[in-house]
C-alpha atoms as a PDB file:
ATOM      1  CA  MET A   1     -18.820  -9.317  27.061  1.00  0.00           C
ATOM      2  CA  SER A   2     -17.022  -8.784  24.389  1.00  0.00           C
ATOM      3  CA  THR A   3     -16.082  -5.023  23.271  1.00  0.00           C
ATOM      4  CA  GLN A   4     -16.833  -3.567  20.219  1.00  0.00           C
ATOM      5  CA  ALA A   5     -12.921  -3.129  19.842  1.00  0.00           C
ATOM      6  CA  GLU A   6     -12.843  -6.637  20.821  1.00  0.00           C
ATOM      7  CA  MET A   7     -15.089  -8.432  18.257  1.00  0.00           C
ATOM      8  CA  PRO A   8     -13.661  -9.809  15.517  1.00  0.00           C
ATOM      9  CA  GLU A   9     -14.562  -9.102  11.865  1.00  0.00           C
ATOM     10  CA  GLU A  10     -17.342 -10.983   9.501  1.00  0.00           C
ATOM     11  CA  GLY A  11     -15.912 -12.775   6.029  1.00  0.00           C
ATOM     12  CA  GLU A  12     -11.939 -12.418   4.650  1.00  0.00           C
ATOM     13  CA  PRO A  13      -9.870  -9.597   4.934  1.00  0.00           C
ATOM     14  CA  ILE A  14      -8.803 -10.499   1.335  1.00  0.00           C
ATOM     15  CA  LEU A  15     -10.800 -12.021  -1.842  1.00  0.00           C
ATOM     16  CA  TYR A  16      -9.187 -14.391  -4.394  1.00  0.00           C
ATOM     17  CA  ALA A  17     -10.409 -15.487  -7.527  1.00  0.00           C
ATOM     18  CA  GLU A  18      -9.003 -15.993 -10.739  1.00  0.00           C
ATOM     19  CA  ASP A  19     -10.054 -15.441 -14.121  1.00  0.00           C
ATOM     20  CA  GLY A  20      -7.943 -17.561 -16.563  1.00  0.00           C
ATOM     21  CA  PRO A  21      -4.128 -16.626 -16.404  1.00  0.00           C
ATOM     22  CA  VAL A  22      -5.098 -13.582 -13.962  1.00  0.00           C
ATOM     23  CA  ALA A  23      -5.486 -13.488 -10.539  1.00  0.00           C
ATOM     24  CA  LEU A  24      -7.416 -11.517  -8.980  1.00  0.00           C
ATOM     25  CA  VAL A  25      -7.363 -10.426  -4.947  1.00  0.00           C
ATOM     26  CA  THR A  26      -8.932  -7.599  -3.769  1.00  0.00           C
ATOM     27  CA  LEU A  27      -8.829  -5.787   0.043  1.00  0.00           C
ATOM     28  CA  ASN A  28     -11.902  -6.561   1.733  1.00  0.00           C
ATOM     29  CA  ARG A  29     -12.672  -4.106   4.075  1.00  0.00           C
ATOM     30  CA  PRO A  30     -14.505  -1.944   2.137  1.00  0.00           C
ATOM     31  CA  ARG A  31     -16.718  -0.361   5.720  1.00  0.00           C
ATOM     32  CA  TYR A  32     -13.056   1.273   6.247  1.00  0.00           C
ATOM     33  CA  ARG A  33     -12.587   1.817   2.658  1.00  0.00           C
ATOM     34  CA  ASN A  34      -9.804  -1.512   3.136  1.00  0.00           C
ATOM     35  CA  ALA A  35      -7.224  -0.139   5.905  1.00  0.00           C
ATOM     36  CA  GLN A  36      -5.066  -2.306   6.234  1.00  0.00           C
ATOM     37  CA  ASN A  37      -4.915  -4.004   9.652  1.00  0.00           C
ATOM     38  CA  ALA A  38      -2.207  -6.991  10.697  1.00  0.00           C
ATOM     39  CA  ARG A  39      -4.749  -9.321   9.476  1.00  0.00           C
ATOM     40  CA  LEU A  40      -5.520  -8.302   5.599  1.00  0.00           C
ATOM     41  CA  LEU A  41      -1.355  -7.545   4.957  1.00  0.00           C
ATOM     42  CA  GLN A  42      -0.446 -11.329   6.219  1.00  0.00           C
ATOM     43  CA  ALA A  43      -4.088 -12.188   4.673  1.00  0.00           C
ATOM     44  CA  LEU A  44      -2.682 -10.281   1.205  1.00  0.00           C
ATOM     45  CA  ASP A  45       0.729 -11.768   1.132  1.00  0.00           C
ATOM     46  CA  ALA A  46      -0.874 -15.218   1.307  1.00  0.00           C
ATOM     47  CA  ALA A  47      -2.871 -14.367  -1.834  1.00  0.00           C
ATOM     48  CA  LEU A  48      -0.159 -13.246  -3.837  1.00  0.00           C
ATOM     49  CA  ARG A  49       2.455 -16.530  -2.521  1.00  0.00           C
ATOM     50  CA  ARG A  50      -0.669 -18.469  -3.592  1.00  0.00           C
ATOM     51  CA  ALA A  51      -0.896 -16.836  -7.270  1.00  0.00           C
ATOM     52  CA  VAL A  52       3.210 -16.986  -7.927  1.00  0.00           C
ATOM     53  CA  ALA A  53       3.074 -20.539  -6.826  1.00  0.00           C
ATOM     54  CA  ASN A  54       0.353 -20.977  -9.646  1.00  0.00           C
ATOM     55  CA  ASP A  55       1.674 -22.272 -12.578  1.00  0.00           C
ATOM     56  CA  ALA A  56      -1.417 -21.206 -14.346  1.00  0.00           C
ATOM     57  CA  ILE A  57      -1.377 -17.268 -13.472  1.00  0.00           C
ATOM     58  CA  SER A  58       1.245 -15.122 -14.954  1.00  0.00           C
ATOM     59  CA  ALA A  59      -0.798 -12.120 -13.541  1.00  0.00           C
ATOM     60  CA  ILE A  60      -2.504 -10.575 -11.484  1.00  0.00           C
ATOM     61  CA  VAL A  61      -4.467  -8.100 -10.447  1.00  0.00           C
ATOM     62  CA  LEU A  62      -4.346  -5.744  -7.137  1.00  0.00           C
ATOM     63  CA  GLY A  63      -7.590  -4.041  -6.289  1.00  0.00           C
ATOM     64  CA  GLY A  64     -10.140  -3.021  -3.807  1.00  0.00           C
ATOM     65  CA  ALA A  65     -13.666  -3.905  -2.307  1.00  0.00           C
ATOM     66  CA  GLY A  66     -16.323  -0.792  -2.819  1.00  0.00           C
ATOM     67  CA  ASP A  67     -15.738   2.358  -3.203  1.00  0.00           C
ATOM     68  CA  HIS A  68     -12.189   2.629  -2.522  1.00  0.00           C
ATOM     69  CA  PHE A  69      -8.734   0.801  -2.677  1.00  0.00           C
ATOM     70  CA  SER A  70      -7.837   1.772   0.130  1.00  0.00           C
ATOM     71  CA  ALA A  71      -7.238   4.896   2.615  1.00  0.00           C
ATOM     72  CA  GLY A  72      -4.174   3.079   4.065  1.00  0.00           C
ATOM     73  CA  HIS A  73      -3.104   1.711   7.106  1.00  0.00           C
ATOM     74  CA  ASP A  74      -5.667   1.492   9.695  1.00  0.00           C
ATOM     75  CA  ILE A  75      -5.373   4.240  12.269  1.00  0.00           C
ATOM     76  CA  GLY A  76      -9.009   3.598  13.747  1.00  0.00           C
ATOM     77  CA  THR A  77     -10.965   1.243  12.980  1.00  0.00           C
ATOM     78  CA  PRO A  78     -13.023  -1.404  15.499  1.00  0.00           C
ATOM     79  CA  GLY A  79     -10.033  -4.267  13.554  1.00  0.00           C
ATOM     80  CA  ARG A  80      -7.120  -2.235  14.669  1.00  0.00           C
ATOM     81  CA  ASP A  81      -4.047  -4.894  15.465  1.00  0.00           C
ATOM     82  CA  ILE A  82      -2.068  -2.788  16.302  1.00  0.00           C
ATOM     83  CA  HIS A  83      -0.314  -4.310  19.571  1.00  0.00           C
ATOM     84  CA  LYS A  84      -0.932  -8.027  18.785  1.00  0.00           C
ATOM     85  CA  SER A  85       1.774 -10.477  17.616  1.00  0.00           C
ATOM     86  CA  PHE A  86       1.363 -11.712  14.442  1.00  0.00           C
ATOM     87  CA  PRO A  87       4.020 -14.491  12.205  1.00  0.00           C
ATOM     88  CA  ARG A  88       7.256 -12.353  10.149  1.00  0.00           C
ATOM     89  CA  ILE A  89       7.474 -12.981   6.870  1.00  0.00           C
ATOM     90  CA  ALA A  90       9.211 -10.723   5.456  1.00  0.00           C
ATOM     91  CA  THR A  91      11.694  -9.899   8.262  1.00  0.00           C
ATOM     92  CA  THR A  92      13.736 -11.771  10.944  1.00  0.00           C
ATOM     93  CA  TRP A  93      12.573  -8.844  13.391  1.00  0.00           C
ATOM     94  CA  TRP A  94      11.953 -10.429  17.426  1.00  0.00           C
ATOM     95  CA  GLU A  95       7.944  -9.654  18.578  1.00  0.00           C
ATOM     96  CA  HIS A  96       7.045  -6.357  18.683  1.00  0.00           C
ATOM     97  CA  GLU A  97       4.127  -7.759  21.209  1.00  0.00           C
ATOM     98  CA  GLY A  98       4.751  -5.441  24.744  1.00  0.00           C
ATOM     99  CA  ARG A  99       7.881  -3.569  23.546  1.00  0.00           C
ATOM    100  CA  ALA A 100       8.694   0.021  25.400  1.00  0.00           C
ATOM    101  CA  GLY A 101       9.141   2.718  23.269  1.00  0.00           C
ATOM    102  CA  ALA A 102      10.235   3.230  19.671  1.00  0.00           C
ATOM    103  CA  GLU A 103      11.358  -0.356  20.164  1.00  0.00           C
ATOM    104  CA  GLY A 104       7.672  -1.891  19.431  1.00  0.00           C
ATOM    105  CA  THR A 105       6.727   0.631  16.604  1.00  0.00           C
ATOM    106  CA  PHE A 106       9.826   0.008  14.758  1.00  0.00           C
ATOM    107  CA  VAL A 107       9.806  -3.490  14.041  1.00  0.00           C
ATOM    108  CA  ARG A 108       6.280  -3.388  13.301  1.00  0.00           C
ATOM    109  CA  GLU A 109       6.403  -0.728  10.435  1.00  0.00           C
ATOM    110  CA  ASP A 110       9.716  -2.468   9.882  1.00  0.00           C
ATOM    111  CA  GLU A 111       7.573  -6.420   9.195  1.00  0.00           C
ATOM    112  CA  LEU A 112       4.204  -5.025   7.847  1.00  0.00           C
ATOM    113  CA  TYR A 113       4.302  -1.647   6.193  1.00  0.00           C
ATOM    114  CA  LEU A 114       8.453  -1.704   4.649  1.00  0.00           C
ATOM    115  CA  GLY A 115       9.415  -5.413   4.592  1.00  0.00           C
ATOM    116  CA  LEU A 116       6.192  -6.390   2.990  1.00  0.00           C
ATOM    117  CA  CYS A 117       6.262  -4.170   0.460  1.00  0.00           C
ATOM    118  CA  ARG A 118       9.736  -4.708  -0.293  1.00  0.00           C
ATOM    119  CA  ARG A 119       8.890  -8.520  -0.635  1.00  0.00           C
ATOM    120  CA  TRP A 120       5.245  -7.700  -3.028  1.00  0.00           C
ATOM    121  CA  ARG A 121       7.679  -5.084  -5.302  1.00  0.00           C
ATOM    122  CA  ALA A 122       9.920  -8.300  -6.277  1.00  0.00           C
ATOM    123  CA  LEU A 123       6.841 -10.810  -6.883  1.00  0.00           C
ATOM    124  CA  PRO A 124       9.099 -12.702 -10.258  1.00  0.00           C
ATOM    125  CA  LYS A 125       5.417 -12.434 -11.574  1.00  0.00           C
ATOM    126  CA  PRO A 126       3.954  -9.009 -13.197  1.00  0.00           C
ATOM    127  CA  THR A 127       1.602  -7.457 -11.422  1.00  0.00           C
ATOM    128  CA  ILE A 128      -1.025  -4.049 -11.537  1.00  0.00           C
ATOM    129  CA  ALA A 129      -2.770  -1.794  -9.186  1.00  0.00           C
ATOM    130  CA  LYS A 130      -6.737  -1.591 -10.128  1.00  0.00           C
ATOM    131  CA  VAL A 131      -7.254   1.703  -8.497  1.00  0.00           C
ATOM    132  CA  GLN A 132     -11.144   3.718  -7.517  1.00  0.00           C
ATOM    133  CA  GLY A 133     -11.726   6.287  -5.095  1.00  0.00           C
ATOM    134  CA  ALA A 134      -8.805   6.831  -2.554  1.00  0.00           C
ATOM    135  CA  CYS A 135      -5.717   5.382  -3.019  1.00  0.00           C
ATOM    136  CA  ILE A 136      -4.383   7.293   0.716  1.00  0.00           C
ATOM    137  CA  ALA A 137      -1.223   6.687   2.626  1.00  0.00           C
ATOM    138  CA  GLY A 138       0.400   3.122   2.633  1.00  0.00           C
ATOM    139  CA  GLY A 139      -2.542   2.243  -0.094  1.00  0.00           C
ATOM    140  CA  LEU A 140      -0.287   4.400  -2.373  1.00  0.00           C
ATOM    141  CA  MET A 141       2.610   1.770  -1.131  1.00  0.00           C
ATOM    142  CA  LEU A 142       0.483  -1.633  -2.330  1.00  0.00           C
ATOM    143  CA  ALA A 143      -0.205   0.654  -5.322  1.00  0.00           C
ATOM    144  CA  TRP A 144       3.612   1.842  -5.818  1.00  0.00           C
ATOM    145  CA  VAL A 145       5.013  -1.563  -5.660  1.00  0.00           C
ATOM    146  CA  CYS A 146       3.091  -3.059  -8.764  1.00  0.00           C
ATOM    147  CA  ASP A 147       4.285  -2.428 -11.707  1.00  0.00           C
ATOM    148  CA  LEU A 148       1.622  -0.706 -13.204  1.00  0.00           C
ATOM    149  CA  ILE A 149      -1.522   1.331 -12.073  1.00  0.00           C
ATOM    150  CA  VAL A 150      -4.797   1.791 -13.922  1.00  0.00           C
ATOM    151  CA  ALA A 151      -7.215   4.243 -11.945  1.00  0.00           C
ATOM    152  CA  SER A 152     -10.673   5.488 -12.844  1.00  0.00           C
ATOM    153  CA  GLU A 153     -11.695   8.941 -13.662  1.00  0.00           C
ATOM    154  CA  ASP A 154     -12.655   9.688  -9.963  1.00  0.00           C
ATOM    155  CA  ALA A 155      -9.973   8.252  -7.869  1.00  0.00           C
ATOM    156  CA  PHE A 156      -6.947  10.298  -5.984  1.00  0.00           C
ATOM    157  CA  PHE A 157      -4.278   9.647  -4.695  1.00  0.00           C
ATOM    158  CA  ALA A 158      -2.196  12.086  -1.473  1.00  0.00           C
ATOM    159  CA  ASP A 159      -0.173  10.805   1.639  1.00  0.00           C
ATOM    160  CA  PRO A 160      -0.970  13.114   3.994  1.00  0.00           C
ATOM    161  CA  VAL A 161       0.757  12.445   6.871  1.00  0.00           C
ATOM    162  CA  LEU A 162       3.108  15.343   7.552  1.00  0.00           C
ATOM    163  CA  ARG A 163      -0.137  16.397   9.370  1.00  0.00           C
ATOM    164  CA  MET A 164       0.662  13.750  12.030  1.00  0.00           C
ATOM    165  CA  GLY A 165       4.204  15.368  11.390  1.00  0.00           C
ATOM    166  CA  ILE A 166       5.884  12.515   9.604  1.00  0.00           C
ATOM    167  CA  PRO A 167       7.837  12.813   6.252  1.00  0.00           C
ATOM    168  CA  GLY A 168       5.822  10.562   4.146  1.00  0.00           C
ATOM    169  CA  VAL A 169       5.106   7.491   4.266  1.00  0.00           C
ATOM    170  CA  GLU A 170       7.380   4.429   5.296  1.00  0.00           C
ATOM    171  CA  TYR A 171       7.796   3.179   1.588  1.00  0.00           C
ATOM    172  CA  PHE A 172       8.913   6.739   0.626  1.00  0.00           C
ATOM    173  CA  ALA A 173       9.376   6.164  -3.366  1.00  0.00           C
ATOM    174  CA  HIS A 174       7.524   9.460  -4.090  1.00  0.00           C
ATOM    175  CA  PRO A 175      10.619  10.913  -5.821  1.00  0.00           C
ATOM    176  CA  PHE A 176      10.706   8.298  -7.647  1.00  0.00           C
ATOM    177  CA  MET A 177       7.348   8.010  -8.899  1.00  0.00           C
ATOM    178  CA  MET A 178       6.817  10.876  -9.917  1.00  0.00           C
ATOM    179  CA  PRO A 179       9.526  13.979 -10.615  1.00  0.00           C
ATOM    180  CA  PRO A 180      10.224  15.433  -7.360  1.00  0.00           C
ATOM    181  CA  ARG A 181       8.988  18.956  -7.664  1.00  0.00           C
ATOM    182  CA  ILE A 182       5.537  17.037  -7.589  1.00  0.00           C
ATOM    183  CA  ALA A 183       6.632  15.164  -5.139  1.00  0.00           C
ATOM    184  CA  ARG A 184       7.690  17.783  -2.768  1.00  0.00           C
ATOM    185  CA  GLU A 185       3.219  19.463  -3.858  1.00  0.00           C
ATOM    186  CA  MET A 186       1.899  16.085  -2.271  1.00  0.00           C
ATOM    187  CA  LEU A 187       4.043  15.815   0.572  1.00  0.00           C
ATOM    188  CA  LEU A 188       4.029  19.522   2.299  1.00  0.00           C
ATOM    189  CA  LEU A 189       0.826  20.264   1.099  1.00  0.00           C
ATOM    190  CA  GLY A 190      -1.028  17.011   1.460  1.00  0.00           C
ATOM    191  CA  GLU A 191      -3.801  17.454  -0.283  1.00  0.00           C
ATOM    192  CA  ARG A 192      -5.870  15.377  -3.193  1.00  0.00           C
ATOM    193  CA  MET A 193      -3.671  14.425  -6.851  1.00  0.00           C
ATOM    194  CA  PRO A 194      -6.776  13.851  -9.083  1.00  0.00           C
ATOM    195  CA  ALA A 195      -5.728  10.862 -11.354  1.00  0.00           C
ATOM    196  CA  ARG A 196      -5.922  12.730 -14.568  1.00  0.00           C
ATOM    197  CA  ARG A 197      -2.809  13.990 -12.707  1.00  0.00           C
ATOM    198  CA  ALA A 198      -1.146  11.736 -11.608  1.00  0.00           C
ATOM    199  CA  TYR A 199      -1.188   9.605 -15.257  1.00  0.00           C
ATOM    200  CA  GLU A 200       0.171  13.637 -16.404  1.00  0.00           C
ATOM    201  CA  VAL A 201       2.851  13.386 -13.837  1.00  0.00           C
ATOM    202  CA  GLY A 202       3.877   9.606 -15.114  1.00  0.00           C
ATOM    203  CA  MET A 203       2.575   8.057 -11.974  1.00  0.00           C
ATOM    204  CA  VAL A 204      -0.011   6.605 -13.069  1.00  0.00           C
ATOM    205  CA  ASN A 205      -0.511   4.188 -16.548  1.00  0.00           C
ATOM    206  CA  ARG A 206      -3.692   4.727 -18.079  1.00  0.00           C
ATOM    207  CA  VAL A 207      -6.820   7.044 -16.879  1.00  0.00           C
ATOM    208  CA  VAL A 208     -10.864   5.016 -17.506  1.00  0.00           C
ATOM    209  CA  PRO A 209     -13.859   5.787 -16.624  1.00  0.00           C
ATOM    210  CA  ARG A 210     -14.953   3.892 -13.382  1.00  0.00           C
ATOM    211  CA  ALA A 211     -17.170   1.387 -15.666  1.00  0.00           C
ATOM    212  CA  GLU A 212     -14.564   0.616 -17.615  1.00  0.00           C
ATOM    213  CA  LEU A 213     -11.790   0.097 -14.625  1.00  0.00           C
ATOM    214  CA  ASP A 214     -12.426  -4.070 -13.940  1.00  0.00           C
ATOM    215  CA  GLU A 215     -12.402  -5.131 -17.023  1.00  0.00           C
ATOM    216  CA  ALA A 216      -9.560  -1.918 -18.781  1.00  0.00           C
ATOM    217  CA  THR A 217      -7.026  -4.060 -16.143  1.00  0.00           C
ATOM    218  CA  LEU A 218      -7.827  -7.297 -16.997  1.00  0.00           C
ATOM    219  CA  ALA A 219      -7.261  -6.678 -20.811  1.00  0.00           C
ATOM    220  CA  MET A 220      -3.554  -5.563 -19.973  1.00  0.00           C
ATOM    221  CA  ALA A 221      -3.177  -7.554 -16.961  1.00  0.00           C
ATOM    222  CA  ARG A 222      -4.463 -10.676 -20.543  1.00  0.00           C
ATOM    223  CA  LYS A 223      -1.741  -8.888 -22.633  1.00  0.00           C
ATOM    224  CA  LEU A 224       0.322  -9.578 -20.099  1.00  0.00           C
ATOM    225  CA  ALA A 225       0.271 -13.015 -19.568  1.00  0.00           C
ATOM    226  CA  GLU A 226       0.621 -13.595 -23.212  1.00  0.00           C
ATOM    227  CA  MET A 227       4.487 -12.699 -22.769  1.00  0.00           C
ATOM    228  CA  PRO A 228       6.916 -15.545 -22.277  1.00  0.00           C
ATOM    229  CA  ARG A 229       7.197 -16.034 -18.153  1.00  0.00           C
ATOM    230  CA  PHE A 230      10.792 -15.464 -16.923  1.00  0.00           C
ATOM    231  CA  GLY A 231      11.333 -12.857 -19.599  1.00  0.00           C
ATOM    232  CA  LEU A 232       8.644 -10.525 -17.075  1.00  0.00           C
ATOM    233  CA  ALA A 233      10.304 -12.031 -14.551  1.00  0.00           C
ATOM    234  CA  LEU A 234      13.434 -11.012 -15.511  1.00  0.00           C
ATOM    235  CA  ALA A 235      12.518  -7.760 -17.259  1.00  0.00           C
ATOM    236  CA  LYS A 236      10.458  -6.993 -13.525  1.00  0.00           C
ATOM    237  CA  ARG A 237      13.984  -7.612 -11.656  1.00  0.00           C
ATOM    238  CA  ALA A 238      15.884  -5.267 -14.406  1.00  0.00           C
ATOM    239  CA  LEU A 239      13.670  -2.622 -14.602  1.00  0.00           C
ATOM    240  CA  ASN A 240      13.802  -3.431 -10.321  1.00  0.00           C
ATOM    241  CA  GLN A 241      17.902  -2.642 -10.106  1.00  0.00           C
ATOM    242  CA  ALA A 242      17.547   0.230 -12.195  1.00  0.00           C
ATOM    243  CA  GLU A 243      15.405   2.207  -9.968  1.00  0.00           C
ATOM    244  CA  ASP A 244      17.394   0.907  -6.734  1.00  0.00           C
ATOM    245  CA  ARG A 245      20.794   1.921  -8.299  1.00  0.00           C
ATOM    246  CA  MET A 246      19.391   5.388  -8.833  1.00  0.00           C
ATOM    247  CA  GLY A 247      18.796   5.247  -5.298  1.00  0.00           C
ATOM    248  CA  LEU A 248      15.136   4.285  -4.140  1.00  0.00           C
ATOM    249  CA  GLN A 249      16.093   0.982  -1.398  1.00  0.00           C
ATOM    250  CA  ASP A 250      18.791   4.093  -0.244  1.00  0.00           C
ATOM    251  CA  THR A 251      16.307   6.223  -0.063  1.00  0.00           C
ATOM    252  CA  ILE A 252      13.500   3.943   2.317  1.00  0.00           C
ATOM    253  CA  GLU A 253      15.757   3.343   4.352  1.00  0.00           C
ATOM    254  CA  ALA A 254      17.040   6.280   5.274  1.00  0.00           C
ATOM    255  CA  THR A 255      13.403   7.914   5.601  1.00  0.00           C
ATOM    256  CA  TYR A 256      12.412   5.430   7.142  1.00  0.00           C
ATOM    257  CA  GLY A 257      14.745   6.356   9.941  1.00  0.00           C
ATOM    258  CA  LEU A 258      13.237   9.810   9.758  1.00  0.00           C
ATOM    259  CA  HIS A 259       9.654   8.305  10.124  1.00  0.00           C
ATOM    260  CA  HIS A 260      10.176   6.707  13.363  1.00  0.00           C
ATOM    261  CA  LEU A 261      12.194   9.904  14.359  1.00  0.00           C
ATOM    262  CA  ALA A 262       9.038  11.299  14.471  1.00  0.00           C
ATOM    263  CA  HIS A 263       6.586   9.052  15.885  1.00  0.00           C
ATOM    264  CA  SER A 264       8.777   9.079  18.322  1.00  0.00           C
ATOM    265  CA  HIS A 265       8.463  13.265  19.120  1.00  0.00           C
ATOM    266  CA  ASN A 266       5.179  12.554  18.739  1.00  0.00           C
ATOM    267  CA  ALA A 267       4.744  10.342  21.661  1.00  0.00           C
ATOM    268  CA  LEU A 268       7.286  12.715  23.909  1.00  0.00           C
ATOM    269  CA  THR A 269       5.993  15.823  23.307  1.00  0.00           C
ATOM    270  CA  GLN A 270       2.566  14.881  22.315  1.00  0.00           C
ATOM    271  CA  SER A 271      -0.906  13.191  23.259  1.00  0.00           C
ATOM    272  CA  ASP A 272       0.420   9.506  20.945  1.00  0.00           C
ATOM    273  CA  TYR A 273       3.161   8.784  18.119  1.00  0.00           C
ATOM    274  CA  LEU A 274       0.444   9.634  15.699  1.00  0.00           C
ATOM    275  CA  ALA A 275      -0.056  13.334  17.010  1.00  0.00           C
ATOM    276  CA  GLY A 276      -3.510  12.756  17.924  1.00  0.00           C
ATOM    277  CA  GLN A 277      -4.792  12.593  14.762  1.00  0.00           C
ATOM    278  CA  ASP A 278      -7.617  10.333  13.360  1.00  0.00           C
ATOM    279  CA  PRO A 279      -9.011   8.593  11.185  1.00  0.00           C
ATOM    280  CA  LYS A 280     -11.830  11.689  10.559  1.00  0.00           C
ATOM    281  CA  SER A 281      -9.138  13.916  11.168  1.00  0.00           C
ATOM    282  CA  MET A 282      -7.126  13.278   8.691  1.00  0.00           C
ATOM    283  CA  ALA A 283     -10.220  12.434   6.335  1.00  0.00           C
ATOM    284  CA  ALA A 284     -11.040  16.373   6.699  1.00  0.00           C
ATOM    285  CA  SER A 285      -8.080  17.171   6.406  1.00  0.00           C
ATOM    286  CA  LEU A 286      -8.133  15.797   2.417  1.00  0.00           C
ATOM    287  CA  LYS A 287     -10.768  18.234   1.821  1.00  0.00           C
ATOM    288  CA  LYS A 288      -9.823  20.945   2.176  1.00  0.00           C
END
């Protein structure tokens, strides 16, 4: 008889729809606040590739089903699949399953977390993150690789992983998404940043009432869809190149190594590589 942890989840992890020239891609694990396991991230990549390949689509909106955009990487749901193999899409690393020590975690996260985010940032079609409720840790990564972010007034942003002894999420773009002093505040205190503050510091483009979030985001996407497609792709590449020349990719690469030094230190000195933290303890830390 299968245990709960072994039972497959019902439904598709990603929903895909089209509204004229706009693709609507939705994270679909609302029961778990859209926590990101490998199954969801692989399906997300397939949906984004589908939107890019369709000549009728000119802009992409990424949202989350239910009350929250994403509570981050899956660290404790029944559908957590950290030890399972999956096809490599973004990197050429070998299989991570069954690898001892730091190797398994490093290889897995380089594909699923870092590699896929880099891939999605480079999509030639413009992307908008539609954020409501929680956008935590790995949720930040999905929002940050989008070109624009529209948030509801009840949205909040946080990277509380320092409580695990880890210096920020794998896609370490904090000092590029907001002023460095504010990035220090987010990381060192691990507190929630309300949507309005995120807008004030330049991390979010628009803040709207929750009831208006869908239409406001769709209106922005439709405006993007009116622009010349190739021109948009070139503008995206130019902006990405500018960020990279300012050190974004070097910073991410260097911090990824520190991130895994922290994982290894935890595994050697504490109960596990997450320093004993789980979804309940991390959620509780954001209520303080």
